N, C-alpha and C. Protein backbone atom coordinates (compact mmCIF):
# COMPACT_ATOMS: atom_id res chain seq x y z
N MET A 1 193.83 179.81 -17.23
CA MET A 1 194.98 180.23 -16.48
C MET A 1 196.18 179.50 -17.05
N GLU A 2 197.20 180.26 -17.40
CA GLU A 2 198.37 179.66 -18.02
C GLU A 2 199.37 179.21 -16.98
N GLY A 3 199.99 178.06 -17.21
CA GLY A 3 201.09 177.59 -16.40
C GLY A 3 200.71 177.17 -14.99
N GLY A 4 199.44 177.22 -14.59
CA GLY A 4 199.04 176.85 -13.24
C GLY A 4 198.76 175.37 -13.15
N VAL A 5 198.77 174.86 -11.95
CA VAL A 5 198.46 173.46 -11.72
C VAL A 5 196.95 173.33 -11.71
N THR A 6 196.44 172.30 -12.36
CA THR A 6 195.00 172.10 -12.45
C THR A 6 194.41 171.92 -11.06
N GLY A 7 193.35 172.63 -10.78
CA GLY A 7 192.67 172.52 -9.50
C GLY A 7 193.25 173.43 -8.43
N MET A 8 194.36 174.07 -8.68
CA MET A 8 194.98 174.96 -7.70
C MET A 8 194.73 176.39 -8.11
N SER A 9 194.37 177.22 -7.17
CA SER A 9 194.21 178.64 -7.50
C SER A 9 195.48 179.35 -7.04
N PRO A 10 196.03 180.20 -7.88
CA PRO A 10 197.26 180.90 -7.49
C PRO A 10 196.97 181.92 -6.40
N LEU A 11 198.01 182.31 -5.68
CA LEU A 11 197.86 183.29 -4.62
C LEU A 11 197.58 184.67 -5.17
N SER A 12 198.14 184.98 -6.31
CA SER A 12 197.89 186.26 -6.95
C SER A 12 198.06 186.05 -8.45
N PRO A 13 197.59 187.00 -9.27
CA PRO A 13 197.76 186.83 -10.72
C PRO A 13 199.24 186.87 -11.14
N TYR A 14 200.10 187.36 -10.26
CA TYR A 14 201.53 187.46 -10.61
C TYR A 14 202.36 186.30 -10.10
N LEU A 15 201.78 185.48 -9.25
CA LEU A 15 202.55 184.41 -8.62
C LEU A 15 201.83 183.09 -8.85
N ASN A 16 202.30 182.29 -9.75
CA ASN A 16 201.74 180.96 -9.98
C ASN A 16 202.53 179.98 -9.13
N LEU A 17 201.98 179.61 -8.00
CA LEU A 17 202.69 178.74 -7.08
C LEU A 17 201.70 177.78 -6.44
N ASP A 18 202.09 176.55 -6.33
CA ASP A 18 201.26 175.55 -5.69
C ASP A 18 201.25 175.83 -4.19
N PRO A 19 200.10 176.09 -3.55
CA PRO A 19 200.04 176.43 -2.13
C PRO A 19 200.58 175.33 -1.22
N ARG A 20 200.66 174.10 -1.70
CA ARG A 20 201.20 173.01 -0.88
C ARG A 20 202.66 173.26 -0.51
N TYR A 21 203.36 174.03 -1.34
CA TYR A 21 204.77 174.30 -1.05
C TYR A 21 204.94 175.32 0.07
N LEU A 22 203.88 176.00 0.43
CA LEU A 22 203.95 177.01 1.47
C LEU A 22 203.71 176.45 2.88
N VAL A 23 203.24 175.22 2.99
CA VAL A 23 202.98 174.60 4.28
C VAL A 23 204.31 174.22 4.90
N GLN A 24 204.52 174.68 6.13
CA GLN A 24 205.77 174.35 6.82
C GLN A 24 205.49 173.34 7.91
N ASP A 25 206.25 172.29 7.89
CA ASP A 25 206.07 171.26 8.91
C ASP A 25 207.24 171.20 9.88
N THR A 26 208.15 172.14 9.78
CA THR A 26 209.29 172.18 10.70
C THR A 26 209.38 173.57 11.33
N ASP A 27 210.13 173.64 12.40
CA ASP A 27 210.33 174.93 13.06
C ASP A 27 211.18 175.84 12.19
N GLU A 28 210.97 177.14 12.34
CA GLU A 28 211.72 178.11 11.55
C GLU A 28 212.93 178.66 12.29
N PHE A 29 213.21 178.17 13.47
CA PHE A 29 214.28 178.73 14.26
C PHE A 29 215.60 178.03 13.97
N ILE A 30 216.64 178.79 13.93
CA ILE A 30 217.97 178.24 13.75
C ILE A 30 218.60 178.11 15.12
N LEU A 31 218.90 176.89 15.51
CA LEU A 31 219.47 176.63 16.83
C LEU A 31 220.84 175.99 16.67
N PRO A 32 221.75 176.29 17.57
CA PRO A 32 223.04 175.60 17.54
C PRO A 32 222.86 174.10 17.73
N THR A 33 223.79 173.32 17.21
CA THR A 33 223.70 171.87 17.34
C THR A 33 223.68 171.49 18.81
N GLY A 34 222.72 170.68 19.19
CA GLY A 34 222.60 170.21 20.56
C GLY A 34 221.82 171.13 21.47
N ALA A 35 221.37 172.27 20.98
CA ALA A 35 220.61 173.20 21.82
C ALA A 35 219.17 172.76 21.91
N ASN A 36 218.56 173.02 23.06
CA ASN A 36 217.14 172.69 23.19
C ASN A 36 216.29 173.85 22.69
N LYS A 37 215.01 173.58 22.46
CA LYS A 37 214.12 174.58 21.85
C LYS A 37 213.44 175.48 22.88
N THR A 38 213.72 175.28 24.15
CA THR A 38 213.13 176.14 25.17
C THR A 38 214.19 177.10 25.69
N ARG A 39 213.72 178.19 26.21
CA ARG A 39 214.65 179.19 26.75
C ARG A 39 215.13 178.73 28.12
N GLY A 40 216.38 178.99 28.39
CA GLY A 40 216.95 178.64 29.69
C GLY A 40 216.61 179.69 30.73
N ARG A 41 217.04 179.42 31.93
CA ARG A 41 216.75 180.31 33.04
C ARG A 41 217.39 181.68 32.85
N PHE A 42 218.58 181.72 32.25
CA PHE A 42 219.26 183.00 32.04
C PHE A 42 218.49 183.87 31.04
N GLU A 43 218.01 183.26 29.95
CA GLU A 43 217.24 184.03 28.97
C GLU A 43 215.91 184.51 29.55
N LEU A 44 215.30 183.69 30.38
CA LEU A 44 214.02 184.06 30.99
C LEU A 44 214.19 185.10 32.11
N ALA A 45 215.41 185.26 32.61
CA ALA A 45 215.64 186.22 33.70
C ALA A 45 215.28 187.63 33.26
N PHE A 46 215.63 187.99 32.03
CA PHE A 46 215.35 189.34 31.56
C PHE A 46 213.84 189.59 31.47
N PHE A 47 213.10 188.61 30.99
CA PHE A 47 211.64 188.72 30.92
C PHE A 47 211.06 188.80 32.34
N THR A 48 211.58 187.98 33.24
CA THR A 48 211.07 187.95 34.61
C THR A 48 211.29 189.29 35.31
N ILE A 49 212.50 189.82 35.19
CA ILE A 49 212.81 191.09 35.86
C ILE A 49 211.97 192.22 35.27
N GLY A 50 211.93 192.33 33.96
CA GLY A 50 211.15 193.38 33.31
C GLY A 50 209.67 193.25 33.60
N GLY A 51 209.16 192.03 33.55
CA GLY A 51 207.74 191.80 33.83
C GLY A 51 207.38 192.17 35.26
N CYS A 52 208.26 191.84 36.20
CA CYS A 52 207.99 192.20 37.60
C CYS A 52 208.05 193.70 37.82
N CYS A 53 208.99 194.37 37.16
CA CYS A 53 209.06 195.83 37.28
C CYS A 53 207.78 196.47 36.74
N MET A 54 207.33 196.03 35.58
CA MET A 54 206.12 196.60 34.98
C MET A 54 204.89 196.28 35.83
N THR A 55 204.80 195.07 36.33
CA THR A 55 203.68 194.69 37.18
C THR A 55 203.67 195.51 38.46
N GLY A 56 204.86 195.67 39.06
CA GLY A 56 204.98 196.48 40.27
C GLY A 56 204.60 197.92 40.03
N ALA A 57 205.02 198.47 38.89
CA ALA A 57 204.68 199.86 38.57
C ALA A 57 203.17 200.02 38.40
N ALA A 58 202.54 199.07 37.72
CA ALA A 58 201.09 199.16 37.51
C ALA A 58 200.34 199.01 38.83
N PHE A 59 200.73 198.01 39.61
CA PHE A 59 200.07 197.80 40.90
C PHE A 59 200.30 198.99 41.82
N GLY A 60 201.53 199.49 41.86
CA GLY A 60 201.85 200.64 42.70
C GLY A 60 201.10 201.88 42.29
N ALA A 61 200.94 202.09 40.98
CA ALA A 61 200.19 203.25 40.50
C ALA A 61 198.73 203.17 40.94
N LEU A 62 198.15 201.98 40.82
CA LEU A 62 196.76 201.82 41.27
C LEU A 62 196.65 202.01 42.78
N ASN A 63 197.60 201.47 43.52
CA ASN A 63 197.61 201.64 44.97
C ASN A 63 197.82 203.11 45.33
N GLY A 64 198.70 203.81 44.60
CA GLY A 64 198.92 205.24 44.84
C GLY A 64 197.68 206.06 44.54
N LEU A 65 196.96 205.69 43.49
CA LEU A 65 195.71 206.38 43.17
C LEU A 65 194.70 206.20 44.30
N ARG A 66 194.61 204.98 44.80
CA ARG A 66 193.69 204.69 45.91
C ARG A 66 194.08 205.49 47.15
N LEU A 67 195.37 205.46 47.48
CA LEU A 67 195.83 206.20 48.66
C LEU A 67 195.69 207.70 48.48
N GLY A 68 196.00 208.19 47.27
CA GLY A 68 195.89 209.63 47.00
C GLY A 68 194.45 210.11 47.11
N LEU A 69 193.52 209.34 46.57
CA LEU A 69 192.11 209.73 46.68
C LEU A 69 191.63 209.67 48.12
N LYS A 70 192.12 208.68 48.87
CA LYS A 70 191.72 208.55 50.26
C LYS A 70 192.26 209.70 51.11
N GLU A 71 193.53 210.06 50.89
CA GLU A 71 194.15 211.12 51.69
C GLU A 71 193.61 212.52 51.34
N THR A 72 193.14 212.70 50.13
CA THR A 72 192.68 214.02 49.70
C THR A 72 191.16 214.10 49.58
N GLN A 73 190.46 213.19 50.22
CA GLN A 73 189.00 213.16 50.07
C GLN A 73 188.32 214.41 50.62
N ASN A 74 188.94 215.09 51.56
CA ASN A 74 188.34 216.30 52.14
C ASN A 74 188.64 217.55 51.31
N MET A 75 189.53 217.42 50.33
CA MET A 75 189.89 218.58 49.50
C MET A 75 188.94 218.65 48.30
N THR A 76 188.73 219.84 47.78
CA THR A 76 187.94 219.98 46.56
C THR A 76 188.85 219.68 45.37
N TRP A 77 188.24 219.37 44.23
CA TRP A 77 189.04 219.09 43.03
C TRP A 77 189.72 220.38 42.60
N SER A 78 191.03 220.37 42.75
CA SER A 78 191.82 221.54 42.40
C SER A 78 193.21 221.07 41.98
N LYS A 79 194.01 222.04 41.55
CA LYS A 79 195.36 221.71 41.11
C LYS A 79 196.20 221.09 42.25
N PRO A 80 196.17 221.64 43.46
CA PRO A 80 196.95 221.02 44.54
C PRO A 80 196.53 219.58 44.83
N ARG A 81 195.24 219.29 44.76
CA ARG A 81 194.78 217.92 44.99
C ARG A 81 195.28 217.00 43.88
N ASN A 82 195.19 217.46 42.64
CA ASN A 82 195.67 216.65 41.51
C ASN A 82 197.16 216.36 41.64
N VAL A 83 197.92 217.38 42.01
CA VAL A 83 199.37 217.21 42.17
C VAL A 83 199.66 216.23 43.29
N GLN A 84 198.93 216.34 44.39
CA GLN A 84 199.15 215.43 45.51
C GLN A 84 198.82 213.99 45.11
N ILE A 85 197.74 213.79 44.37
CA ILE A 85 197.37 212.45 43.91
C ILE A 85 198.43 211.91 42.95
N LEU A 86 198.88 212.74 42.01
CA LEU A 86 199.92 212.31 41.07
C LEU A 86 201.23 211.98 41.77
N ASN A 87 201.58 212.77 42.79
CA ASN A 87 202.78 212.46 43.56
C ASN A 87 202.67 211.10 44.24
N MET A 88 201.51 210.79 44.78
CA MET A 88 201.30 209.51 45.45
C MET A 88 201.35 208.37 44.44
N VAL A 89 200.74 208.57 43.25
CA VAL A 89 200.77 207.54 42.20
C VAL A 89 202.21 207.27 41.78
N THR A 90 202.98 208.33 41.56
CA THR A 90 204.36 208.18 41.12
C THR A 90 205.22 207.53 42.20
N ARG A 91 205.06 207.97 43.43
CA ARG A 91 205.86 207.43 44.54
C ARG A 91 205.57 205.95 44.75
N GLN A 92 204.29 205.60 44.79
CA GLN A 92 203.92 204.20 45.01
C GLN A 92 204.31 203.32 43.81
N GLY A 93 204.14 203.84 42.60
CA GLY A 93 204.52 203.08 41.41
C GLY A 93 206.00 202.76 41.40
N ALA A 94 206.83 203.75 41.72
CA ALA A 94 208.27 203.53 41.76
C ALA A 94 208.66 202.58 42.89
N LEU A 95 208.03 202.72 44.03
CA LEU A 95 208.32 201.87 45.18
C LEU A 95 208.03 200.40 44.86
N TRP A 96 206.85 200.13 44.32
CA TRP A 96 206.47 198.76 44.00
C TRP A 96 207.29 198.20 42.85
N ALA A 97 207.59 199.01 41.84
CA ALA A 97 208.42 198.54 40.73
C ALA A 97 209.81 198.17 41.22
N ASN A 98 210.37 199.00 42.10
CA ASN A 98 211.69 198.73 42.65
C ASN A 98 211.67 197.46 43.50
N THR A 99 210.66 197.30 44.31
CA THR A 99 210.57 196.13 45.19
C THR A 99 210.44 194.84 44.38
N LEU A 100 209.47 194.79 43.48
CA LEU A 100 209.28 193.56 42.70
C LEU A 100 210.44 193.31 41.74
N GLY A 101 211.02 194.37 41.19
CA GLY A 101 212.18 194.21 40.32
C GLY A 101 213.38 193.66 41.08
N SER A 102 213.58 194.13 42.31
CA SER A 102 214.68 193.63 43.14
C SER A 102 214.47 192.16 43.49
N LEU A 103 213.25 191.81 43.84
CA LEU A 103 212.95 190.40 44.13
C LEU A 103 213.18 189.52 42.90
N ALA A 104 212.75 189.99 41.73
CA ALA A 104 212.94 189.21 40.50
C ALA A 104 214.42 189.08 40.17
N LEU A 105 215.18 190.14 40.39
CA LEU A 105 216.62 190.08 40.14
C LEU A 105 217.29 189.05 41.06
N LEU A 106 216.97 189.09 42.35
CA LEU A 106 217.54 188.11 43.28
C LEU A 106 217.13 186.69 42.91
N TYR A 107 215.84 186.49 42.62
CA TYR A 107 215.34 185.17 42.26
C TYR A 107 216.03 184.65 40.99
N SER A 108 216.15 185.50 39.99
CA SER A 108 216.78 185.08 38.74
C SER A 108 218.26 184.78 38.93
N ALA A 109 218.95 185.61 39.70
CA ALA A 109 220.38 185.37 39.95
C ALA A 109 220.59 184.06 40.70
N PHE A 110 219.80 183.85 41.75
CA PHE A 110 219.92 182.58 42.48
C PHE A 110 219.58 181.40 41.59
N GLY A 111 218.54 181.55 40.78
CA GLY A 111 218.15 180.46 39.88
C GLY A 111 219.25 180.09 38.90
N VAL A 112 219.88 181.10 38.29
CA VAL A 112 220.95 180.84 37.32
C VAL A 112 222.15 180.21 38.02
N ILE A 113 222.51 180.73 39.19
CA ILE A 113 223.66 180.18 39.93
C ILE A 113 223.40 178.73 40.32
N ILE A 114 222.21 178.45 40.82
CA ILE A 114 221.88 177.08 41.23
C ILE A 114 221.87 176.15 40.02
N GLU A 115 221.29 176.61 38.90
CA GLU A 115 221.25 175.79 37.69
C GLU A 115 222.67 175.46 37.21
N LYS A 116 223.54 176.47 37.18
CA LYS A 116 224.91 176.24 36.71
C LYS A 116 225.68 175.34 37.69
N THR A 117 225.43 175.49 38.98
CA THR A 117 226.12 174.68 39.98
C THR A 117 225.68 173.22 39.91
N ARG A 118 224.37 173.00 39.86
CA ARG A 118 223.84 171.63 39.83
C ARG A 118 223.94 171.00 38.46
N GLY A 119 223.91 171.81 37.42
CA GLY A 119 223.93 171.27 36.07
C GLY A 119 222.60 170.68 35.64
N ALA A 120 221.53 171.06 36.31
CA ALA A 120 220.19 170.55 35.98
C ALA A 120 219.19 171.68 36.12
N GLU A 121 218.10 171.57 35.39
CA GLU A 121 217.03 172.56 35.47
C GLU A 121 215.75 171.83 35.85
N ASP A 122 215.31 172.02 37.08
CA ASP A 122 214.09 171.39 37.55
C ASP A 122 213.44 172.25 38.61
N ASP A 123 212.38 171.73 39.21
CA ASP A 123 211.62 172.50 40.20
C ASP A 123 212.39 172.70 41.50
N LEU A 124 213.36 171.85 41.77
CA LEU A 124 214.19 172.03 42.96
C LEU A 124 214.95 173.35 42.88
N ASN A 125 215.43 173.70 41.69
CA ASN A 125 216.10 174.99 41.50
C ASN A 125 215.14 176.14 41.78
N THR A 126 213.93 176.02 41.29
CA THR A 126 212.93 177.07 41.47
C THR A 126 212.63 177.28 42.95
N ILE A 127 212.41 176.19 43.66
CA ILE A 127 212.08 176.28 45.09
C ILE A 127 213.27 176.80 45.89
N ALA A 128 214.47 176.32 45.57
CA ALA A 128 215.67 176.79 46.28
C ALA A 128 215.91 178.27 46.01
N ALA A 129 215.73 178.71 44.77
CA ALA A 129 215.95 180.12 44.43
C ALA A 129 214.92 181.00 45.14
N GLY A 130 213.68 180.56 45.20
CA GLY A 130 212.65 181.33 45.89
C GLY A 130 212.90 181.42 47.39
N THR A 131 213.32 180.31 47.98
CA THR A 131 213.62 180.31 49.41
C THR A 131 214.80 181.23 49.72
N MET A 132 215.86 181.13 48.93
CA MET A 132 217.04 181.96 49.16
C MET A 132 216.74 183.44 48.91
N THR A 133 215.89 183.72 47.94
CA THR A 133 215.49 185.10 47.69
C THR A 133 214.76 185.68 48.89
N GLY A 134 213.80 184.94 49.41
CA GLY A 134 213.07 185.40 50.60
C GLY A 134 213.98 185.60 51.79
N MET A 135 214.92 184.69 51.97
CA MET A 135 215.85 184.79 53.09
C MET A 135 216.73 186.03 52.97
N LEU A 136 217.30 186.25 51.78
CA LEU A 136 218.18 187.41 51.60
C LEU A 136 217.40 188.72 51.66
N TYR A 137 216.21 188.74 51.07
CA TYR A 137 215.41 189.97 51.05
C TYR A 137 215.03 190.41 52.46
N LYS A 138 214.76 189.47 53.32
CA LYS A 138 214.36 189.79 54.70
C LYS A 138 215.49 189.64 55.70
N SER A 139 216.72 189.58 55.21
CA SER A 139 217.86 189.34 56.10
C SER A 139 218.12 190.49 57.06
N THR A 140 217.64 191.67 56.77
CA THR A 140 217.84 192.80 57.70
C THR A 140 216.96 192.67 58.94
N GLY A 141 216.02 191.77 58.93
CA GLY A 141 215.12 191.57 60.07
C GLY A 141 215.62 190.56 61.07
N GLY A 142 216.89 190.18 61.00
CA GLY A 142 217.44 189.21 61.94
C GLY A 142 217.05 187.78 61.58
N VAL A 143 217.26 186.89 62.53
CA VAL A 143 217.00 185.47 62.29
C VAL A 143 215.52 185.23 62.02
N ARG A 144 214.66 185.92 62.75
CA ARG A 144 213.22 185.74 62.53
C ARG A 144 212.81 186.23 61.15
N GLY A 145 213.38 187.36 60.72
CA GLY A 145 213.09 187.88 59.39
C GLY A 145 213.57 186.93 58.30
N ILE A 146 214.76 186.36 58.50
CA ILE A 146 215.29 185.40 57.53
C ILE A 146 214.38 184.18 57.45
N ALA A 147 213.93 183.70 58.60
CA ALA A 147 213.05 182.54 58.62
C ALA A 147 211.72 182.85 57.94
N ARG A 148 211.16 184.00 58.24
CA ARG A 148 209.88 184.38 57.62
C ARG A 148 210.02 184.55 56.11
N GLY A 149 211.10 185.22 55.69
CA GLY A 149 211.33 185.41 54.26
C GLY A 149 211.55 184.08 53.55
N GLY A 150 212.30 183.19 54.18
CA GLY A 150 212.54 181.87 53.58
C GLY A 150 211.26 181.07 53.46
N ILE A 151 210.43 181.12 54.49
CA ILE A 151 209.15 180.40 54.45
C ILE A 151 208.24 180.99 53.39
N ALA A 152 208.22 182.32 53.28
CA ALA A 152 207.38 182.96 52.25
C ALA A 152 207.87 182.57 50.86
N GLY A 153 209.18 182.61 50.63
CA GLY A 153 209.72 182.22 49.33
C GLY A 153 209.48 180.76 49.03
N LEU A 154 209.65 179.90 50.03
CA LEU A 154 209.40 178.47 49.86
C LEU A 154 207.94 178.22 49.52
N THR A 155 207.05 178.89 50.21
CA THR A 155 205.61 178.71 49.99
C THR A 155 205.21 179.15 48.58
N LEU A 156 205.64 180.35 48.19
CA LEU A 156 205.25 180.87 46.87
C LEU A 156 205.81 180.02 45.73
N THR A 157 207.09 179.68 45.80
CA THR A 157 207.67 178.89 44.72
C THR A 157 207.20 177.44 44.77
N GLY A 158 206.90 176.94 45.98
CA GLY A 158 206.33 175.60 46.08
C GLY A 158 204.95 175.52 45.43
N LEU A 159 204.13 176.55 45.68
CA LEU A 159 202.82 176.60 45.03
C LEU A 159 202.95 176.71 43.51
N TYR A 160 203.94 177.51 43.06
CA TYR A 160 204.17 177.64 41.62
C TYR A 160 204.60 176.30 41.03
N ALA A 161 205.47 175.57 41.72
CA ALA A 161 205.93 174.27 41.23
C ALA A 161 204.76 173.29 41.16
N LEU A 162 203.89 173.31 42.16
CA LEU A 162 202.70 172.44 42.12
C LEU A 162 201.80 172.80 40.95
N TYR A 163 201.57 174.09 40.76
CA TYR A 163 200.74 174.54 39.64
C TYR A 163 201.35 174.15 38.30
N ASN A 164 202.66 174.32 38.20
CA ASN A 164 203.37 174.03 36.96
C ASN A 164 203.34 172.54 36.61
N ASN A 165 203.26 171.67 37.61
CA ASN A 165 203.29 170.23 37.39
C ASN A 165 201.95 169.56 37.66
N TRP A 166 200.88 170.34 37.73
CA TRP A 166 199.58 169.80 38.10
C TRP A 166 199.11 168.71 37.14
N GLU A 167 199.23 168.95 35.84
CA GLU A 167 198.78 167.95 34.85
C GLU A 167 199.59 166.67 34.97
N HIS A 168 200.89 166.80 35.17
CA HIS A 168 201.75 165.63 35.32
C HIS A 168 201.38 164.84 36.57
N MET A 169 201.14 165.56 37.67
CA MET A 169 200.77 164.90 38.92
C MET A 169 199.40 164.24 38.80
N LYS A 170 198.47 164.92 38.13
CA LYS A 170 197.13 164.36 37.96
C LYS A 170 197.19 163.08 37.14
N GLY A 171 198.05 163.08 36.10
CA GLY A 171 198.20 161.88 35.27
C GLY A 171 198.82 160.73 36.01
N SER A 172 199.82 161.00 36.88
CA SER A 172 200.47 159.93 37.62
C SER A 172 199.54 159.38 38.70
N ILE A 173 198.70 160.22 39.28
CA ILE A 173 197.73 159.74 40.28
C ILE A 173 196.70 158.85 39.60
N ALA A 174 196.26 159.23 38.39
CA ALA A 174 195.29 158.43 37.66
C ALA A 174 195.89 157.08 37.29
N ARG A 175 197.17 157.04 36.92
CA ARG A 175 197.82 155.77 36.56
C ARG A 175 197.97 154.88 37.79
N GLN A 176 198.23 155.48 38.96
CA GLN A 176 198.39 154.69 40.17
C GLN A 176 197.06 154.08 40.63
N SER A 177 195.94 154.74 40.35
CA SER A 177 194.65 154.25 40.80
C SER A 177 194.10 153.13 39.92
N LEU A 178 194.71 152.94 38.74
CA LEU A 178 194.23 151.87 37.84
C LEU A 178 194.65 150.51 38.30
């Protein structure tokens, strides 16, 4: 082999290159000076909203299929039954996608506003955004609805914060017991 490094096999007969030069030990992303390598709450909002809409549509479609089959169980398999089942799938899919998408939009908006106001990104923002989302979403139910929505949002985001920090908490408990 001409021009190659002894002991190295080229990647192709046309490219004589030492494979050690292809190993990358740094990130390939170009970031502005002072920027962190994780996505902020605003960037994640789009993923959150879209993911919730898609999840709601999938869950609603499955729920619509279940309801459609249950409501038409006395009918024989025919075009009207198929249309009725498809209508239920479509209606439930859109309903759930709209509901979860609206909740994700409220949660993301509150999260971004709280982050910008406080100037910090931590689990307190997550819990506050979840609580405020639940309160606003159920605000049409009066004071009791606001309280229930706030408690539901607090519970769900509190559980998420615990799950998200479980390894950290487990490590600090282990250090305290030593």
